[in-house]
Amino acid sequence: MDTGTQDSGAGWPVAAGTTALSVLLPEVDPLVRDWRGRYDTAARNGGSAHLTVLFPFLHRDRIRGPQRAALAALYARHQPFTVTFGRCGSFPGVLHLAPEPAAPLRALTEAAAARWPSQPPYGGLLGAVEPHVTVANSGGPRVHRRIAAQLTARLPVTARVSRVELVVHEEGRWHPWLGFPLGG
């Protein structure tokens, strides 16, 4: 029986209608697109460079008027801000770009997780995860070192964070669905 559930590419089962809250980063995407396409298994399911705010979020079928209004009000209380990506970082098996400052991004996650406590970041499996842009989660340490050296030579890059996007997984790919401006 086909349940419509797929592996997100990062070991996370993702069913059609799964949603996530994300900050899309068009300023960063050209810098990392090719590497993500080759070495970030989740990038194979669509989407551009982004910072995950909350994954998984409510199933698409559960997001109606009241939830949309709550998200709009929640993110209207946060002011737009600028982040700079000036260095690469790593978690076990993951090469990423680290945003500075990270505190406003943590605040976006904490606000959503507090409002929807049944939706902890990464299902509560990873504990506290620092904000990051995944560049590679495959390829191994040697590939990650090579990518980091090439990326570092092209940093820093700055991005303006002015909205949180609700993205939905449909037909095997992530798609932007709804956007919530920061600052109202």
Protein backbone atom coordinates (compact mmCIF):
# COMPACT_ATOMS: atom_id res chain seq x y z
CA MET A 1 0.00 0.00 0.00
CA ASP A 2 1.40 3.40 -1.00
CA THR A 3 1.02 5.86 1.88
CA GLY A 4 2.47 8.72 -0.12
CA THR A 5 5.30 8.96 2.39
CA GLN A 6 8.77 9.62 1.01
CA ASP A 7 12.16 10.09 2.54
CA SER A 8 12.89 13.82 2.53
CA GLY A 9 16.46 13.02 1.58
CA ALA A 10 17.80 13.73 5.04
CA GLY A 11 16.34 10.63 6.64
CA TRP A 12 13.04 12.30 7.52
CA PRO A 13 9.87 10.63 6.27
CA VAL A 14 7.78 13.26 4.55
CA ALA A 15 4.20 12.66 3.44
CA ALA A 16 2.36 14.72 0.88
CA GLY A 17 0.98 17.75 2.72
CA THR A 18 3.85 17.97 5.21
CA THR A 19 4.71 21.62 5.84
CA ALA A 20 7.66 23.55 7.22
CA LEU A 21 8.30 27.15 8.17
CA SER A 22 11.37 28.51 6.38
CA VAL A 23 13.26 31.67 5.55
CA LEU A 24 14.12 31.61 1.86
CA LEU A 25 17.50 33.10 0.95
CA PRO A 26 17.68 34.21 -2.70
CA GLU A 27 20.90 36.14 -1.93
CA VAL A 28 22.61 32.92 -0.78
CA ASP A 29 21.16 30.49 -3.31
CA PRO A 30 23.51 31.28 -6.25
CA LEU A 31 26.49 30.70 -3.95
CA VAL A 32 25.43 27.21 -2.81
CA ARG A 33 22.97 25.94 -5.46
CA ASP A 34 25.39 23.68 -7.35
CA TRP A 35 26.86 22.11 -4.21
CA ARG A 36 23.42 21.63 -2.65
CA GLY A 37 22.22 19.99 -5.85
CA ARG A 38 25.05 17.46 -5.67
CA TYR A 39 25.58 16.97 -1.95
CA ASP A 40 22.48 18.05 -0.01
CA THR A 41 20.10 15.12 -0.22
CA ALA A 42 17.12 17.28 0.81
CA ALA A 43 17.78 19.71 -2.07
CA ARG A 44 16.87 16.93 -4.48
CA ASN A 45 13.27 17.47 -3.34
CA GLY A 46 13.21 21.05 -4.52
CA GLY A 47 13.62 24.31 -2.79
CA SER A 48 16.36 26.88 -2.71
CA ALA A 49 18.80 27.88 0.01
CA HIS A 50 16.88 28.44 3.23
CA LEU A 51 16.98 28.52 6.99
CA THR A 52 14.54 26.08 8.54
CA VAL A 53 12.40 27.79 11.18
CA LEU A 54 10.23 24.80 12.13
CA PHE A 55 10.03 21.33 10.59
CA PRO A 56 7.78 19.47 10.58
CA PHE A 57 4.90 21.88 11.01
CA LEU A 58 1.16 21.18 10.83
CA HIS A 59 -0.14 19.06 7.95
CA ARG A 60 -1.53 21.22 5.14
CA ASP A 61 -5.08 19.99 5.85
CA ARG A 62 -4.86 21.44 9.39
CA ILE A 63 -3.86 24.93 8.25
CA ARG A 64 -7.03 26.95 7.95
CA GLY A 65 -8.02 30.54 8.66
CA PRO A 66 -7.27 30.52 12.41
CA GLN A 67 -3.81 28.99 11.94
CA ARG A 68 -3.00 31.42 9.11
CA ALA A 69 -4.10 34.35 11.28
CA ALA A 70 -2.03 33.05 14.20
CA LEU A 71 1.07 32.74 12.00
CA ALA A 72 0.56 36.23 10.57
CA ALA A 73 0.18 37.73 14.06
CA LEU A 74 3.11 35.72 15.43
CA TYR A 75 5.57 36.88 12.79
CA ALA A 76 4.22 40.45 12.69
CA ARG A 77 5.67 40.80 16.22
CA HIS A 78 9.21 40.20 14.89
CA GLN A 79 11.03 42.95 13.03
CA PRO A 80 12.90 42.32 9.77
CA PHE A 81 16.66 41.91 10.18
CA THR A 82 19.83 41.25 8.23
CA VAL A 83 22.06 38.20 8.60
CA THR A 84 25.57 37.67 7.31
CA PHE A 85 27.04 34.34 6.33
CA GLY A 86 30.76 34.75 6.90
CA ARG A 87 31.85 31.23 7.73
CA CYS A 88 31.20 27.57 7.20
CA GLY A 89 30.38 25.31 10.11
CA SER A 90 29.72 21.64 10.54
CA PHE A 91 27.59 19.18 12.44
CA PRO A 92 28.33 15.46 12.22
CA GLY A 93 28.03 14.71 8.50
CA VAL A 94 26.77 18.20 7.59
CA LEU A 95 28.55 21.20 6.10
CA HIS A 96 26.61 24.42 6.54
CA LEU A 97 26.75 28.18 6.46
CA ALA A 98 26.35 29.83 9.85
CA PRO A 99 24.24 33.03 10.05
CA GLU A 100 25.24 35.96 12.25
CA PRO A 101 23.43 37.03 14.28
CA ALA A 102 21.61 33.77 15.00
CA ALA A 103 19.47 35.06 17.90
CA PRO A 104 16.67 36.57 15.74
CA LEU A 105 16.39 33.28 13.85
CA ARG A 106 16.21 31.30 17.09
CA ALA A 107 13.45 33.69 18.19
CA LEU A 108 11.39 32.86 15.08
CA THR A 109 11.68 29.14 15.85
CA GLU A 110 11.01 29.56 19.57
CA ALA A 111 7.89 31.63 18.89
CA ALA A 112 6.36 29.01 16.59
CA ALA A 113 7.34 26.10 18.85
CA ALA A 114 5.83 27.88 21.88
CA ARG A 115 2.58 28.58 19.99
CA TRP A 116 2.38 24.99 18.68
CA PRO A 117 4.06 22.87 21.37
CA SER A 118 2.94 19.67 19.64
CA GLN A 119 5.31 20.61 16.78
CA PRO A 120 8.82 20.75 18.31
CA PRO A 121 11.73 21.39 15.92
CA TYR A 122 12.64 18.20 14.07
CA GLY A 123 10.00 16.32 16.03
CA GLY A 124 12.05 16.83 19.20
CA LEU A 125 14.61 14.29 18.00
CA LEU A 126 17.65 16.57 17.79
CA GLY A 127 17.34 18.88 20.75
CA ALA A 128 18.43 22.46 20.11
CA VAL A 129 19.61 22.94 16.54
CA GLU A 130 21.51 26.09 15.62
CA PRO A 131 20.19 28.07 12.65
CA HIS A 132 22.09 27.08 9.52
CA VAL A 133 21.94 26.70 5.75
CA THR A 134 22.77 23.13 4.82
CA VAL A 135 25.25 23.00 1.96
CA ALA A 136 26.15 19.29 2.01
CA ASN A 137 25.06 16.27 4.01
CA SER A 138 26.63 13.66 1.75
CA GLY A 139 30.00 13.30 0.05
CA GLY A 140 32.09 12.83 3.16
CA PRO A 141 34.68 14.91 5.02
CA ARG A 142 37.10 15.33 2.11
CA VAL A 143 34.36 16.74 -0.15
CA HIS A 144 33.12 18.96 2.68
CA ARG A 145 36.63 20.40 3.20
CA ARG A 146 36.95 21.14 -0.52
CA ILE A 147 33.53 22.83 -0.64
CA ALA A 148 34.28 24.83 2.53
CA ALA A 149 37.56 26.11 1.09
CA GLN A 150 35.88 27.25 -2.12
CA LEU A 151 32.88 28.73 -0.29
CA THR A 152 34.99 30.60 2.24
CA ALA A 153 36.77 32.43 -0.56
CA ARG A 154 33.37 33.80 -1.69
CA LEU A 155 32.09 34.87 1.72
CA PRO A 156 30.67 36.92 3.29
CA VAL A 157 27.20 37.16 1.83
CA THR A 158 24.40 39.13 3.45
CA ALA A 159 20.66 38.44 3.34
CA ARG A 160 17.63 40.40 4.48
CA VAL A 161 15.09 38.40 6.48
CA SER A 162 11.70 40.02 6.06
CA ARG A 163 9.27 37.09 5.98
CA VAL A 164 8.72 33.48 6.96
CA GLU A 165 7.43 31.13 4.29
CA LEU A 166 5.17 28.17 4.85
CA VAL A 167 6.35 25.53 2.38
CA VAL A 168 4.48 22.35 1.56
CA HIS A 169 5.65 18.98 0.26
CA GLU A 170 3.54 17.92 -2.74
CA GLU A 171 4.23 15.56 -5.63
CA GLY A 172 7.65 14.72 -4.18
CA ARG A 173 8.86 18.35 -3.99
CA TRP A 174 8.84 21.31 -1.62
CA HIS A 175 6.85 24.35 -2.81
CA PRO A 176 6.29 27.79 -1.23
CA TRP A 177 2.66 28.08 -0.20
CA LEU A 178 2.04 31.06 2.14
CA GLY A 179 4.23 33.95 3.26
CA PHE A 180 4.11 35.86 6.55
CA PRO A 181 5.84 39.27 6.64
CA LEU A 182 7.90 40.22 9.65
CA GLY A 183 6.90 43.47 11.28
CA GLY A 184 3.27 43.33 10.17
